[in-house]
Amino acid sequence: MKYLICGLGNIGPEYANTRHNIGFMVLDKFAKDHEVIFDSDRLVFRAEMKYKGRQIHLIKPTTYMNLSGKALNYWLKELNIPVENSLSITDDIALPFGKLRMRGKGSNGGHNGLGNIQEVLGTDIYPRLRFGVGGDFAKGRQVDYVLGNFEAGDAAELPIFIDKSCEAILSFCTIGLERTMNTVNLK
């Protein structure tokens, strides 16, 4: 079985620790935990590993957030992985900080990265893990908020929730979407 895990974010040091880059942060920690290194490849930074008989491919698109679908679609086809064996990890301002929500389908919730994935794939049926970053921003300041760094209190707790996200990835790849949703979404 092959899986494609796509962490959404933006390349460049100015975005490294921003809320919008939580997908990259999760995959960086996942790769570190499993001692794999990302290399530059077409449209992405890519790493791969084996876990319990599964081939897990990790990608961080270099297309910037708003064109994430281009990279995901390319690698789904290149690696011959069905969309149901992919997992896109992204930030979500509609969820409280640290809350995780896994879904197999649904709207993009106004998220440009998820919107592009839906547009390129031509469907809203694809697994995604949303990582709550909270929504404490003034009207009209959403872009500044998601492209801003985590507040000190949240930053201190961030490793706990990143680890939970890494656990969710392994669960998705071993016991599947439905059973993983039952545990991730209840916490």
Protein backbone atom coordinates (compact mmCIF):
# COMPACT_ATOMS: atom_id res chain seq x y z
CA MET A 1 0.00 0.00 0.00
CA LYS A 2 1.21 3.47 -0.91
CA TYR A 3 0.20 6.75 0.75
CA LEU A 4 0.83 10.38 -0.12
CA ILE A 5 0.87 12.85 2.77
CA CYS A 6 0.80 16.48 1.68
CA GLY A 7 1.60 19.23 4.18
CA LEU A 8 0.33 22.59 2.99
CA GLY A 9 2.39 25.72 3.48
CA ASN A 10 4.53 28.35 1.81
CA ILE A 11 8.23 28.07 1.07
CA GLY A 12 10.71 30.61 2.35
CA PRO A 13 12.08 31.61 5.76
CA GLU A 14 9.58 34.46 6.13
CA TYR A 15 6.75 31.87 6.32
CA ALA A 16 8.56 29.16 8.32
CA ASN A 17 6.80 29.53 11.67
CA THR A 18 3.50 31.01 10.56
CA ARG A 19 0.08 29.54 11.26
CA HIS A 20 -0.42 28.93 7.53
CA ASN A 21 2.65 26.65 7.51
CA ILE A 22 1.42 24.15 10.07
CA GLY A 23 1.26 21.46 7.35
CA PHE A 24 4.98 21.91 6.70
CA MET A 25 5.71 21.91 10.45
CA VAL A 26 3.85 18.64 10.96
CA LEU A 27 5.67 16.92 8.08
CA ASP A 28 9.04 18.25 9.24
CA LYS A 29 8.45 16.69 12.68
CA PHE A 30 7.11 13.47 11.13
CA ALA A 31 10.20 13.19 8.90
CA LYS A 32 12.52 13.89 11.84
CA ASP A 33 10.79 11.24 13.98
CA HIS A 34 11.25 8.67 11.22
CA GLU A 35 14.75 9.80 10.25
CA VAL A 36 13.97 10.70 6.65
CA ILE A 37 15.16 13.80 4.81
CA PHE A 38 13.34 15.95 2.28
CA ASP A 39 14.93 16.43 -1.12
CA SER A 40 13.91 18.90 -3.78
CA ASP A 41 11.83 17.30 -6.53
CA ARG A 42 9.30 18.43 -9.11
CA LEU A 43 6.95 21.00 -7.48
CA VAL A 44 7.76 19.75 -3.97
CA PHE A 45 10.21 18.83 -1.28
CA ARG A 46 9.78 15.07 -1.00
CA ALA A 47 10.70 12.27 1.38
CA GLU A 48 9.63 8.65 1.61
CA MET A 49 9.66 5.92 4.20
CA LYS A 50 8.31 2.49 4.98
CA TYR A 51 6.10 1.77 7.97
CA LYS A 52 4.44 -1.58 8.74
CA GLY A 53 4.60 -2.66 5.10
CA ARG A 54 3.32 0.66 3.79
CA GLN A 55 5.20 3.06 1.53
CA ILE A 56 4.59 6.59 2.79
CA HIS A 57 5.50 9.53 0.56
CA LEU A 58 5.68 12.98 2.15
CA ILE A 59 5.43 16.15 0.08
CA LYS A 60 5.67 19.84 0.88
CA PRO A 61 4.58 21.76 -2.25
CA THR A 62 6.90 24.51 -3.49
CA THR A 63 4.03 26.02 -5.46
CA TYR A 64 2.92 28.18 -2.53
CA MET A 65 -0.36 27.59 -0.74
CA ASN A 66 -2.72 28.81 -3.45
CA LEU A 67 -1.45 26.27 -6.02
CA SER A 68 -1.13 23.25 -3.72
CA GLY A 69 -3.45 21.19 -5.93
CA LYS A 70 -0.99 21.26 -8.81
CA ALA A 71 1.70 19.55 -6.73
CA LEU A 72 -0.67 17.08 -5.06
CA ASN A 73 -2.25 16.06 -8.35
CA TYR A 74 1.12 15.63 -10.05
CA TRP A 75 2.45 13.32 -7.34
CA LEU A 76 -0.78 11.31 -7.06
CA LYS A 77 -0.40 10.51 -10.76
CA GLU A 78 3.39 10.12 -10.74
CA LEU A 79 3.32 7.63 -7.85
CA ASN A 80 0.04 6.01 -8.96
CA ILE A 81 -1.62 6.61 -5.59
CA PRO A 82 -5.42 6.80 -5.39
CA VAL A 83 -6.74 10.04 -3.92
CA GLU A 84 -8.31 8.16 -1.00
CA ASN A 85 -4.75 7.18 0.06
CA SER A 86 -3.70 10.82 0.28
CA LEU A 87 -3.94 13.12 3.26
CA SER A 88 -3.66 16.90 3.04
CA ILE A 89 -2.67 18.68 6.27
CA THR A 90 -3.61 22.32 6.68
CA ASP A 91 -4.37 25.14 9.09
CA ASP A 92 -7.97 25.98 10.01
CA ILE A 93 -9.05 29.29 11.55
CA ALA A 94 -12.53 27.92 12.30
CA LEU A 95 -11.12 25.47 14.86
CA PRO A 96 -9.72 26.43 18.27
CA PHE A 97 -5.96 26.25 18.57
CA GLY A 98 -4.73 22.64 18.69
CA LYS A 99 -8.07 21.05 17.76
CA LEU A 100 -7.64 18.43 15.03
CA ARG A 101 -10.36 17.41 12.62
CA MET A 102 -10.02 14.72 9.97
CA ARG A 103 -12.50 14.44 7.11
CA GLY A 104 -12.79 12.46 3.90
CA LYS A 105 -14.75 15.11 2.06
CA GLY A 106 -16.29 18.53 2.47
CA SER A 107 -16.00 22.17 1.61
CA ASN A 108 -12.73 24.04 1.51
CA GLY A 109 -14.05 26.39 4.22
CA GLY A 110 -12.61 29.37 2.37
CA HIS A 111 -9.07 27.95 2.56
CA ASN A 112 -7.21 28.80 -0.64
CA GLY A 113 -4.96 25.74 -0.54
CA LEU A 114 -7.89 23.34 -0.11
CA GLY A 115 -9.85 25.31 -2.69
CA ASN A 116 -7.10 24.81 -5.25
CA ILE A 117 -6.89 21.09 -4.44
CA GLN A 118 -10.64 20.74 -5.02
CA GLU A 119 -10.42 22.70 -8.25
CA VAL A 120 -7.49 20.67 -9.64
CA LEU A 121 -8.83 17.28 -8.49
CA GLY A 122 -12.36 18.18 -9.60
CA THR A 123 -13.84 16.85 -6.36
CA ASP A 124 -14.25 17.65 -2.68
CA ILE A 125 -13.79 13.98 -1.83
CA TYR A 126 -10.23 13.66 -0.57
CA PRO A 127 -8.93 13.12 2.98
CA ARG A 128 -7.71 16.14 4.92
CA LEU A 129 -6.49 16.83 8.43
CA ARG A 130 -7.31 20.32 9.66
CA PHE A 131 -5.18 21.75 12.43
CA GLY A 132 -6.93 24.45 14.45
CA VAL A 133 -5.00 27.70 14.67
CA GLY A 134 -7.82 29.73 16.21
CA GLY A 135 -9.44 32.78 14.73
CA ASP A 136 -8.60 35.63 17.07
CA PHE A 137 -8.20 38.41 14.52
CA ALA A 138 -10.00 41.64 13.68
CA LYS A 139 -12.33 41.82 10.69
CA GLY A 140 -10.32 42.11 7.50
CA ARG A 141 -7.09 40.89 9.17
CA GLN A 142 -7.31 37.19 8.29
CA VAL A 143 -4.31 37.23 5.93
CA ASP A 144 -2.11 38.94 8.53
CA TYR A 145 -3.27 36.42 11.13
CA VAL A 146 -2.57 33.23 9.16
CA LEU A 147 0.73 34.63 7.87
CA GLY A 148 1.69 35.61 11.42
CA ASN A 149 3.62 33.57 13.96
CA PHE A 150 1.93 31.72 16.81
CA GLU A 151 1.48 33.67 20.04
CA ALA A 152 3.92 32.72 22.81
CA GLY A 153 1.38 30.65 24.77
CA ASP A 154 0.29 28.71 21.69
CA ALA A 155 3.87 28.28 20.50
CA ALA A 156 4.75 26.61 23.82
CA GLU A 157 1.97 24.03 23.34
CA LEU A 158 2.51 23.59 19.61
CA PRO A 159 4.79 20.51 19.88
CA ILE A 160 2.05 18.58 21.70
CA PHE A 161 -0.45 19.09 18.87
CA ILE A 162 2.13 18.53 16.16
CA ASP A 163 2.90 15.15 17.78
CA LYS A 164 -0.83 14.33 17.81
CA SER A 165 -0.96 15.20 14.09
CA CYS A 166 1.98 12.86 13.44
CA GLU A 167 0.13 10.09 15.29
CA ALA A 168 -2.92 10.79 13.12
CA ILE A 169 -0.83 10.35 9.96
CA LEU A 170 0.39 6.92 11.07
CA SER A 171 -3.11 5.94 12.09
CA PHE A 172 -4.52 7.03 8.71
CA CYS A 173 -1.89 4.92 6.92
CA THR A 174 -2.42 1.83 9.07
CA ILE A 175 -6.05 1.62 10.18
CA GLY A 176 -7.65 3.91 7.61
CA LEU A 177 -9.66 7.10 7.42
CA GLU A 178 -12.86 6.07 9.20
CA ARG A 179 -11.24 4.55 12.28
CA THR A 180 -8.73 7.39 12.51
CA MET A 181 -11.54 9.94 12.28
CA ASN A 182 -13.26 8.20 15.19
CA THR A 183 -10.25 8.81 17.43
CA VAL A 184 -8.90 12.13 16.12
CA ASN A 185 -12.25 13.92 15.95
CA LEU A 186 -13.34 12.89 19.45
CA LYS A 187 -10.31 14.35 21.25
